[in-house]
PDB file of all heavy atoms in Angstrom:
ATOM      1  N   PRO A   1     249.682 137.384  99.942  1.00  0.00           N
ATOM      2  CA  PRO A   1     248.360 136.807 100.245  1.00  0.00           C
ATOM      3  C   PRO A   1     248.316 135.328  99.884  1.00  0.00           C
ATOM      4  O   PRO A   1     248.899 134.900  98.889  1.00  0.00           O
ATOM      5  CB  PRO A   1     247.421 137.627  99.347  1.00  0.00           C
ATOM      6  CG  PRO A   1     248.276 138.087  98.213  1.00  0.00           C
ATOM      7  CD  PRO A   1     249.654 138.278  98.770  1.00  0.00           C
ATOM      8  N   ILE A   2     247.622 134.545 100.708  1.00  0.00           N
ATOM      9  CA  ILE A   2     247.538 133.098 100.518  1.00  0.00           C
ATOM     10  C   ILE A   2     246.075 132.677 100.606  1.00  0.00           C
ATOM     11  O   ILE A   2     245.335 133.158 101.464  1.00  0.00           O
ATOM     12  CB  ILE A   2     248.350 132.357 101.595  1.00  0.00           C
ATOM     13  CG1 ILE A   2     249.826 132.782 101.546  1.00  0.00           C
ATOM     14  CG2 ILE A   2     248.232 130.847 101.427  1.00  0.00           C
ATOM     15  CD1 ILE A   2     250.621 132.278 102.736  1.00  0.00           C
ATOM     16  N   THR A   3     245.668 131.778  99.744  1.00  0.00           N
ATOM     17  CA  THR A   3     244.303 131.253  99.774  1.00  0.00           C
ATOM     18  C   THR A   3     244.243 130.025 100.664  1.00  0.00           C
ATOM     19  O   THR A   3     245.078 129.113 100.546  1.00  0.00           O
ATOM     20  CB  THR A   3     243.837 130.879  98.352  1.00  0.00           C
ATOM     21  OG1 THR A   3     243.891 132.047  97.518  1.00  0.00           O
ATOM     22  CG2 THR A   3     242.415 130.343  98.370  1.00  0.00           C
ATOM     23  N   ALA A   4     243.281 129.992 101.549  1.00  0.00           N
ATOM     24  CA  ALA A   4     243.150 128.870 102.486  1.00  0.00           C
ATOM     25  C   ALA A   4     242.761 127.594 101.761  1.00  0.00           C
ATOM     26  O   ALA A   4     242.014 127.613 100.779  1.00  0.00           O
ATOM     27  CB  ALA A   4     242.111 129.198 103.546  1.00  0.00           C
ATOM     28  N   THR A   5     243.274 126.482 102.256  1.00  0.00           N
ATOM     29  CA  THR A   5     242.879 125.171 101.762  1.00  0.00           C
ATOM     30  C   THR A   5     241.927 124.528 102.769  1.00  0.00           C
ATOM     31  O   THR A   5     241.789 124.998 103.898  1.00  0.00           O
ATOM     32  CB  THR A   5     244.104 124.260 101.591  1.00  0.00           C
ATOM     33  OG1 THR A   5     244.711 124.062 102.885  1.00  0.00           O
ATOM     34  CG2 THR A   5     245.121 124.883 100.647  1.00  0.00           C
ATOM     35  N   THR A   6     241.288 123.453 102.359  1.00  0.00           N
ATOM     36  CA  THR A   6     240.403 122.734 103.272  1.00  0.00           C
ATOM     37  C   THR A   6     241.173 122.232 104.488  1.00  0.00           C
ATOM     38  O   THR A   6     240.691 122.307 105.626  1.00  0.00           O
ATOM     39  CB  THR A   6     239.748 121.542 102.559  1.00  0.00           C
ATOM     40  OG1 THR A   6     238.970 122.030 101.449  1.00  0.00           O
ATOM     41  CG2 THR A   6     238.835 120.771 103.493  1.00  0.00           C
ATOM     42  N   ALA A   7     242.393 121.768 104.271  1.00  0.00           N
ATOM     43  CA  ALA A   7     243.215 121.264 105.373  1.00  0.00           C
ATOM     44  C   ALA A   7     243.574 122.387 106.343  1.00  0.00           C
ATOM     45  O   ALA A   7     243.588 122.183 107.561  1.00  0.00           O
ATOM     46  CB  ALA A   7     244.478 120.612 104.816  1.00  0.00           C
ATOM     47  N   PHE A   8     243.856 123.564 105.809  1.00  0.00           N
ATOM     48  CA  PHE A   8     244.186 124.689 106.677  1.00  0.00           C
ATOM     49  C   PHE A   8     242.967 125.091 107.505  1.00  0.00           C
ATOM     50  O   PHE A   8     243.078 125.358 108.706  1.00  0.00           O
ATOM     51  CB  PHE A   8     244.657 125.885 105.844  1.00  0.00           C
ATOM     52  CG  PHE A   8     245.022 127.091 106.678  1.00  0.00           C
ATOM     53  CD1 PHE A   8     246.272 127.186 107.268  1.00  0.00           C
ATOM     54  CD2 PHE A   8     244.104 128.117 106.889  1.00  0.00           C
ATOM     55  CE1 PHE A   8     246.599 128.290 108.049  1.00  0.00           C
ATOM     56  CE2 PHE A   8     244.424 129.217 107.664  1.00  0.00           C
ATOM     57  CZ  PHE A   8     245.683 129.299 108.250  1.00  0.00           C
ATOM     58  N   ASN A   9     241.806 125.130 106.894  1.00  0.00           N
ATOM     59  CA  ASN A   9     240.584 125.468 107.631  1.00  0.00           C
ATOM     60  C   ASN A   9     240.303 124.452 108.721  1.00  0.00           C
ATOM     61  O   ASN A   9     239.732 124.788 109.767  1.00  0.00           O
ATOM     62  CB  ASN A   9     239.404 125.556 106.667  1.00  0.00           C
ATOM     63  CG  ASN A   9     239.481 126.782 105.768  1.00  0.00           C
ATOM     64  OD1 ASN A   9     240.076 127.789 106.141  1.00  0.00           O
ATOM     65  ND2 ASN A   9     238.889 126.695 104.587  1.00  0.00           N
ATOM     66  N   ARG A  10     240.724 123.213 108.500  1.00  0.00           N
ATOM     67  CA  ARG A  10     240.540 122.174 109.519  1.00  0.00           C
ATOM     68  C   ARG A  10     241.396 122.472 110.750  1.00  0.00           C
ATOM     69  O   ARG A  10     240.999 122.190 111.884  1.00  0.00           O
ATOM     70  CB  ARG A  10     240.895 120.812 108.930  1.00  0.00           C
ATOM     71  CG  ARG A  10     240.391 119.628 109.741  1.00  0.00           C
ATOM     72  CD  ARG A  10     240.663 118.310 109.024  1.00  0.00           C
ATOM     73  NE  ARG A  10     239.913 118.233 107.774  1.00  0.00           N
ATOM     74  CZ  ARG A  10     240.462 118.040 106.579  1.00  0.00           C
ATOM     75  NH1 ARG A  10     241.758 117.886 106.464  1.00  0.00           N
ATOM     76  NH2 ARG A  10     239.701 117.966 105.505  1.00  0.00           N
ATOM     77  N   VAL A  11     242.564 123.064 110.540  1.00  0.00           N
ATOM     78  CA  VAL A  11     243.421 123.449 111.662  1.00  0.00           C
ATOM     79  C   VAL A  11     242.706 124.486 112.519  1.00  0.00           C
ATOM     80  O   VAL A  11     242.688 124.415 113.745  1.00  0.00           O
ATOM     81  CB  VAL A  11     244.762 124.021 111.156  1.00  0.00           C
ATOM     82  CG1 VAL A  11     245.608 124.509 112.330  1.00  0.00           C
ATOM     83  CG2 VAL A  11     245.527 122.979 110.360  1.00  0.00           C
ATOM     84  N   LEU A  12     242.078 125.478 111.863  1.00  0.00           N
ATOM     85  CA  LEU A  12     241.390 126.541 112.582  1.00  0.00           C
ATOM     86  C   LEU A  12     240.102 126.067 113.252  1.00  0.00           C
ATOM     87  O   LEU A  12     239.627 126.696 114.199  1.00  0.00           O
ATOM     88  CB  LEU A  12     241.065 127.700 111.631  1.00  0.00           C
ATOM     89  CG  LEU A  12     242.252 128.511 111.108  1.00  0.00           C
ATOM     90  CD1 LEU A  12     241.766 129.583 110.138  1.00  0.00           C
ATOM     91  CD2 LEU A  12     243.028 129.155 112.250  1.00  0.00           C
ATOM     92  N   SER A  13     239.538 124.978 112.764  1.00  0.00           N
ATOM     93  CA  SER A  13     238.259 124.519 113.312  1.00  0.00           C
ATOM     94  C   SER A  13     238.425 123.504 114.445  1.00  0.00           C
ATOM     95  O   SER A  13     237.444 123.182 115.128  1.00  0.00           O
ATOM     96  CB  SER A  13     237.397 123.900 112.201  1.00  0.00           C
ATOM     97  OG  SER A  13     238.000 122.736 111.672  1.00  0.00           O
ATOM     98  N   GLU A  14     239.643 123.013 114.672  1.00  0.00           N
ATOM     99  CA  GLU A  14     239.870 122.057 115.763  1.00  0.00           C
ATOM    100  C   GLU A  14     239.633 122.746 117.106  1.00  0.00           C
ATOM    101  O   GLU A  14     240.225 123.792 117.394  1.00  0.00           O
ATOM    102  CB  GLU A  14     241.300 121.508 115.704  1.00  0.00           C
ATOM    103  CG  GLU A  14     241.666 120.587 116.839  1.00  0.00           C
ATOM    104  CD  GLU A  14     240.979 119.221 116.760  1.00  0.00           C
ATOM    105  OE1 GLU A  14     240.342 118.930 115.725  1.00  0.00           O
ATOM    106  OE2 GLU A  14     241.087 118.463 117.729  1.00  0.00           O
ATOM    107  N   GLY A  15     238.751 122.195 117.914  1.00  0.00           N
ATOM    108  CA  GLY A  15     238.400 122.808 119.188  1.00  0.00           C
ATOM    109  C   GLY A  15     239.487 122.654 120.237  1.00  0.00           C
ATOM    110  O   GLY A  15     240.409 121.842 120.098  1.00  0.00           O
ATOM    111  N   SER A  16     239.375 123.435 121.304  1.00  0.00           N
ATOM    112  CA  SER A  16     240.366 123.377 122.370  1.00  0.00           C
ATOM    113  C   SER A  16     240.261 122.083 123.169  1.00  0.00           C
ATOM    114  O   SER A  16     241.239 121.612 123.752  1.00  0.00           O
ATOM    115  CB  SER A  16     240.191 124.559 123.321  1.00  0.00           C
ATOM    116  OG  SER A  16     238.969 124.445 124.040  1.00  0.00           O
ATOM    117  N   GLY A  17     239.076 121.512 123.221  1.00  0.00           N
ATOM    118  CA  GLY A  17     238.917 120.233 123.907  1.00  0.00           C
ATOM    119  C   GLY A  17     239.029 120.299 125.411  1.00  0.00           C
ATOM    120  O   GLY A  17     239.382 119.305 126.051  1.00  0.00           O
ATOM    121  N   SER A  18     238.750 121.453 126.001  1.00  0.00           N
ATOM    122  CA  SER A  18     238.902 121.578 127.453  1.00  0.00           C
ATOM    123  C   SER A  18     238.018 120.588 128.208  1.00  0.00           C
ATOM    124  O   SER A  18     238.380 120.139 129.300  1.00  0.00           O
ATOM    125  CB  SER A  18     238.590 123.014 127.896  1.00  0.00           C
ATOM    126  OG  SER A  18     237.303 123.414 127.468  1.00  0.00           O
ATOM    127  N   THR A  19     236.891 120.230 127.635  1.00  0.00           N
ATOM    128  CA  THR A  19     236.028 119.239 128.289  1.00  0.00           C
ATOM    129  C   THR A  19     236.737 117.893 128.394  1.00  0.00           C
ATOM    130  O   THR A  19     236.698 117.225 129.428  1.00  0.00           O
ATOM    131  CB  THR A  19     234.713 119.077 127.510  1.00  0.00           C
ATOM    132  OG1 THR A  19     233.967 120.286 127.597  1.00  0.00           O
ATOM    133  CG2 THR A  19     233.872 117.932 128.084  1.00  0.00           C
ATOM    134  N   ASN A  20     237.420 117.506 127.314  1.00  0.00           N
ATOM    135  CA  ASN A  20     238.074 116.192 127.299  1.00  0.00           C
ATOM    136  C   ASN A  20     239.292 116.102 128.213  1.00  0.00           C
ATOM    137  O   ASN A  20     239.598 115.039 128.736  1.00  0.00           O
ATOM    138  CB  ASN A  20     238.511 115.851 125.867  1.00  0.00           C
ATOM    139  CG  ASN A  20     237.329 115.570 124.958  1.00  0.00           C
ATOM    140  OD1 ASN A  20     236.346 114.991 125.381  1.00  0.00           O
ATOM    141  ND2 ASN A  20     237.422 115.995 123.710  1.00  0.00           N
ATOM    142  N   GLU A  21     240.008 117.205 128.402  1.00  0.00           N
ATOM    143  CA  GLU A  21     241.259 117.134 129.148  1.00  0.00           C
ATOM    144  C   GLU A  21     241.157 117.598 130.599  1.00  0.00           C
ATOM    145  O   GLU A  21     242.051 117.327 131.403  1.00  0.00           O
ATOM    146  CB  GLU A  21     242.342 117.955 128.441  1.00  0.00           C
ATOM    147  CG  GLU A  21     242.097 119.454 128.469  1.00  0.00           C
ATOM    148  CD  GLU A  21     243.133 120.223 127.655  1.00  0.00           C
ATOM    149  OE1 GLU A  21     244.129 119.624 127.211  1.00  0.00           O
ATOM    150  OE2 GLU A  21     242.927 121.433 127.445  1.00  0.00           O
ATOM    151  N   PHE A  22     240.094 118.315 130.943  1.00  0.00           N
ATOM    152  CA  PHE A  22     240.035 118.981 132.237  1.00  0.00           C
ATOM    153  C   PHE A  22     240.164 118.001 133.407  1.00  0.00           C
ATOM    154  O   PHE A  22     240.997 118.181 134.301  1.00  0.00           O
ATOM    155  CB  PHE A  22     238.735 119.784 132.362  1.00  0.00           C
ATOM    156  CG  PHE A  22     238.700 120.690 133.557  1.00  0.00           C
ATOM    157  CD1 PHE A  22     239.178 121.980 133.485  1.00  0.00           C
ATOM    158  CD2 PHE A  22     238.183 120.255 134.776  1.00  0.00           C
ATOM    159  CE1 PHE A  22     239.160 122.821 134.584  1.00  0.00           C
ATOM    160  CE2 PHE A  22     238.153 121.071 135.885  1.00  0.00           C
ATOM    161  CZ  PHE A  22     238.643 122.369 135.784  1.00  0.00           C
ATOM    162  N   LYS A  23     239.352 116.957 133.416  1.00  0.00           N
ATOM    163  CA  LYS A  23     239.352 116.014 134.540  1.00  0.00           C
ATOM    164  C   LYS A  23     240.708 115.317 134.651  1.00  0.00           C
ATOM    165  O   LYS A  23     241.270 115.209 135.755  1.00  0.00           O
ATOM    166  CB  LYS A  23     238.240 114.984 134.361  1.00  0.00           C
ATOM    167  CG  LYS A  23     238.155 113.965 135.488  1.00  0.00           C
ATOM    168  CD  LYS A  23     237.025 112.971 135.225  1.00  0.00           C
ATOM    169  CE  LYS A  23     236.946 111.924 136.319  1.00  0.00           C
ATOM    170  NZ  LYS A  23     235.847 110.956 136.074  1.00  0.00           N
ATOM    171  N   HIS A  24     241.243 114.856 133.538  1.00  0.00           N
ATOM    172  CA  HIS A  24     242.529 114.159 133.544  1.00  0.00           C
ATOM    173  C   HIS A  24     243.631 115.055 134.097  1.00  0.00           C
ATOM    174  O   HIS A  24     244.419 114.647 134.956  1.00  0.00           O
ATOM    175  CB  HIS A  24     242.881 113.714 132.120  1.00  0.00           C
ATOM    176  CG  HIS A  24     244.250 113.122 131.984  1.00  0.00           C
ATOM    177  ND1 HIS A  24     245.380 113.905 131.796  1.00  0.00           N
ATOM    178  CD2 HIS A  24     244.683 111.834 132.029  1.00  0.00           C
ATOM    179  CE1 HIS A  24     246.440 113.130 131.725  1.00  0.00           C
ATOM    180  NE2 HIS A  24     246.052 111.865 131.859  1.00  0.00           N
ATOM    181  N   ASP A  25     243.706 116.298 133.595  1.00  0.00           N
ATOM    182  CA  ASP A  25     244.771 117.200 134.016  1.00  0.00           C
ATOM    183  C   ASP A  25     244.601 117.639 135.470  1.00  0.00           C
ATOM    184  O   ASP A  25     245.584 117.805 136.194  1.00  0.00           O
ATOM    185  CB  ASP A  25     244.814 118.426 133.100  1.00  0.00           C
ATOM    186  CG  ASP A  25     245.310 118.071 131.704  1.00  0.00           C
ATOM    187  OD1 ASP A  25     245.681 116.915 131.482  1.00  0.00           O
ATOM    188  OD2 ASP A  25     245.325 118.970 130.833  1.00  0.00           O
ATOM    189  N   LEU A  26     243.343 117.818 135.895  1.00  0.00           N
ATOM    190  CA  LEU A  26     243.096 118.187 137.292  1.00  0.00           C
ATOM    191  C   LEU A  26     243.551 117.069 138.225  1.00  0.00           C
ATOM    192  O   LEU A  26     244.229 117.321 139.224  1.00  0.00           O
ATOM    193  CB  LEU A  26     241.617 118.492 137.515  1.00  0.00           C
ATOM    194  CG  LEU A  26     241.227 118.832 138.959  1.00  0.00           C
ATOM    195  CD1 LEU A  26     241.880 120.147 139.398  1.00  0.00           C
ATOM    196  CD2 LEU A  26     239.701 118.929 139.094  1.00  0.00           C
ATOM    197  N   ASP A  27     243.189 115.836 137.885  1.00  0.00           N
ATOM    198  CA  ASP A  27     243.577 114.706 138.721  1.00  0.00           C
ATOM    199  C   ASP A  27     245.101 114.584 138.809  1.00  0.00           C
ATOM    200  O   ASP A  27     245.656 114.274 139.868  1.00  0.00           O
ATOM    201  CB  ASP A  27     242.983 113.407 138.165  1.00  0.00           C
ATOM    202  CG  ASP A  27     241.475 113.311 138.377  1.00  0.00           C
ATOM    203  OD1 ASP A  27     240.936 114.117 139.162  1.00  0.00           O
ATOM    204  OD2 ASP A  27     240.845 112.448 137.739  1.00  0.00           O
ATOM    205  N   GLU A  28     245.779 114.827 137.689  1.00  0.00           N
ATOM    206  CA  GLU A  28     247.240 114.745 137.670  1.00  0.00           C
ATOM    207  C   GLU A  28     247.860 115.846 138.532  1.00  0.00           C
ATOM    208  O   GLU A  28     248.818 115.620 139.269  1.00  0.00           O
ATOM    209  CB  GLU A  28     247.746 114.842 136.234  1.00  0.00           C
ATOM    210  CG  GLU A  28     249.222 114.538 136.088  1.00  0.00           C
ATOM    211  CD  GLU A  28     249.645 114.429 134.638  1.00  0.00           C
ATOM    212  OE1 GLU A  28     249.934 115.490 134.031  1.00  0.00           O
ATOM    213  OE2 GLU A  28     249.677 113.305 134.107  1.00  0.00           O
ATOM    214  N   TYR A  29     247.298 117.037 138.445  1.00  0.00           N
ATOM    215  CA  TYR A  29     247.795 118.155 139.242  1.00  0.00           C
ATOM    216  C   TYR A  29     247.596 117.878 140.737  1.00  0.00           C
ATOM    217  O   TYR A  29     248.499 118.096 141.549  1.00  0.00           O
ATOM    218  CB  TYR A  29     247.080 119.448 138.864  1.00  0.00           C
ATOM    219  CG  TYR A  29     247.416 120.597 139.791  1.00  0.00           C
ATOM    220  CD1 TYR A  29     248.597 121.309 139.643  1.00  0.00           C
ATOM    221  CD2 TYR A  29     246.547 120.945 140.828  1.00  0.00           C
ATOM    222  CE1 TYR A  29     248.915 122.351 140.502  1.00  0.00           C
ATOM    223  CE2 TYR A  29     246.860 121.974 141.699  1.00  0.00           C
ATOM    224  CZ  TYR A  29     248.045 122.675 141.536  1.00  0.00           C
ATOM    225  OH  TYR A  29     248.362 123.686 142.393  1.00  0.00           O
ATOM    226  N   VAL A  30     246.420 117.396 141.086  1.00  0.00           N
ATOM    227  CA  VAL A  30     246.120 117.104 142.497  1.00  0.00           C
ATOM    228  C   VAL A  30     247.103 116.064 143.036  1.00  0.00           C
ATOM    229  O   VAL A  30     247.642 116.208 144.143  1.00  0.00           O
ATOM    230  CB  VAL A  30     244.671 116.597 142.644  1.00  0.00           C
ATOM    231  CG1 VAL A  30     244.447 116.013 144.033  1.00  0.00           C
ATOM    232  CG2 VAL A  30     243.693 117.736 142.381  1.00  0.00           C
ATOM    233  N   ALA A  31     247.352 115.010 142.257  1.00  0.00           N
ATOM    234  CA  ALA A  31     248.229 113.932 142.710  1.00  0.00           C
ATOM    235  C   ALA A  31     249.676 114.390 142.903  1.00  0.00           C
ATOM    236  O   ALA A  31     250.364 113.922 143.817  1.00  0.00           O
ATOM    237  CB  ALA A  31     248.183 112.780 141.705  1.00  0.00           C
ATOM    238  N   LYS A  32     250.120 115.321 142.078  1.00  0.00           N
ATOM    239  CA  LYS A  32     251.534 115.698 142.108  1.00  0.00           C
ATOM    240  C   LYS A  32     251.838 116.988 142.864  1.00  0.00           C
ATOM    241  O   LYS A  32     252.956 117.157 143.360  1.00  0.00           O
ATOM    242  CB  LYS A  32     252.054 115.838 140.675  1.00  0.00           C
ATOM    243  CG  LYS A  32     252.090 114.536 139.894  1.00  0.00           C
ATOM    244  CD  LYS A  32     252.646 114.760 138.499  1.00  0.00           C
ATOM    245  CE  LYS A  32     252.731 113.453 137.713  1.00  0.00           C
ATOM    246  NZ  LYS A  32     253.288 113.666 136.345  1.00  0.00           N
ATOM    247  N   HIS A  33     250.873 117.897 142.925  1.00  0.00           N
ATOM    248  CA  HIS A  33     251.220 119.234 143.400  1.00  0.00           C
ATOM    249  C   HIS A  33     250.321 119.822 144.493  1.00  0.00           C
ATOM    250  O   HIS A  33     250.765 120.709 145.215  1.00  0.00           O
ATOM    251  CB  HIS A  33     251.231 120.219 142.219  1.00  0.00           C
ATOM    252  CG  HIS A  33     252.132 119.817 141.098  1.00  0.00           C
ATOM    253  ND1 HIS A  33     253.498 119.799 141.203  1.00  0.00           N
ATOM    254  CD2 HIS A  33     251.839 119.395 139.835  1.00  0.00           C
ATOM    255  CE1 HIS A  33     254.031 119.414 140.050  1.00  0.00           C
ATOM    256  NE2 HIS A  33     253.047 119.147 139.213  1.00  0.00           N
ATOM    257  N   LEU A  34     249.079 119.400 144.602  1.00  0.00           N
ATOM    258  CA  LEU A  34     248.155 120.064 145.521  1.00  0.00           C
ATOM    259  C   LEU A  34     248.506 119.784 146.976  1.00  0.00           C
ATOM    260  O   LEU A  34     248.823 118.648 147.352  1.00  0.00           O
ATOM    261  CB  LEU A  34     246.717 119.618 145.238  1.00  0.00           C
ATOM    262  CG  LEU A  34     245.628 120.409 145.960  1.00  0.00           C
ATOM    263  CD1 LEU A  34     245.620 121.871 145.522  1.00  0.00           C
ATOM    264  CD2 LEU A  34     244.263 119.773 145.699  1.00  0.00           C
ATOM    265  N   ASP A  35     248.448 120.818 147.790  1.00  0.00           N
ATOM    266  CA  ASP A  35     248.726 120.694 149.223  1.00  0.00           C
ATOM    267  C   ASP A  35     247.795 119.632 149.824  1.00  0.00           C
ATOM    268  O   ASP A  35     246.588 119.649 149.586  1.00  0.00           O
ATOM    269  CB  ASP A  35     248.486 122.044 149.898  1.00  0.00           C
ATOM    270  CG  ASP A  35     248.971 122.063 151.341  1.00  0.00           C
ATOM    271  OD1 ASP A  35     248.464 121.245 152.147  1.00  0.00           O
ATOM    272  OD2 ASP A  35     249.835 122.893 151.656  1.00  0.00           O
TER     273      ASP A  35
END
């Protein structure tokens, strides 16, 4: 058993950030791969 540290809890609390990356990644996909 291990006790969590504040730094470890910060790892678990970091969001996926899909809002921040969605437009960028979509534009990149369209430019390189979309029919």
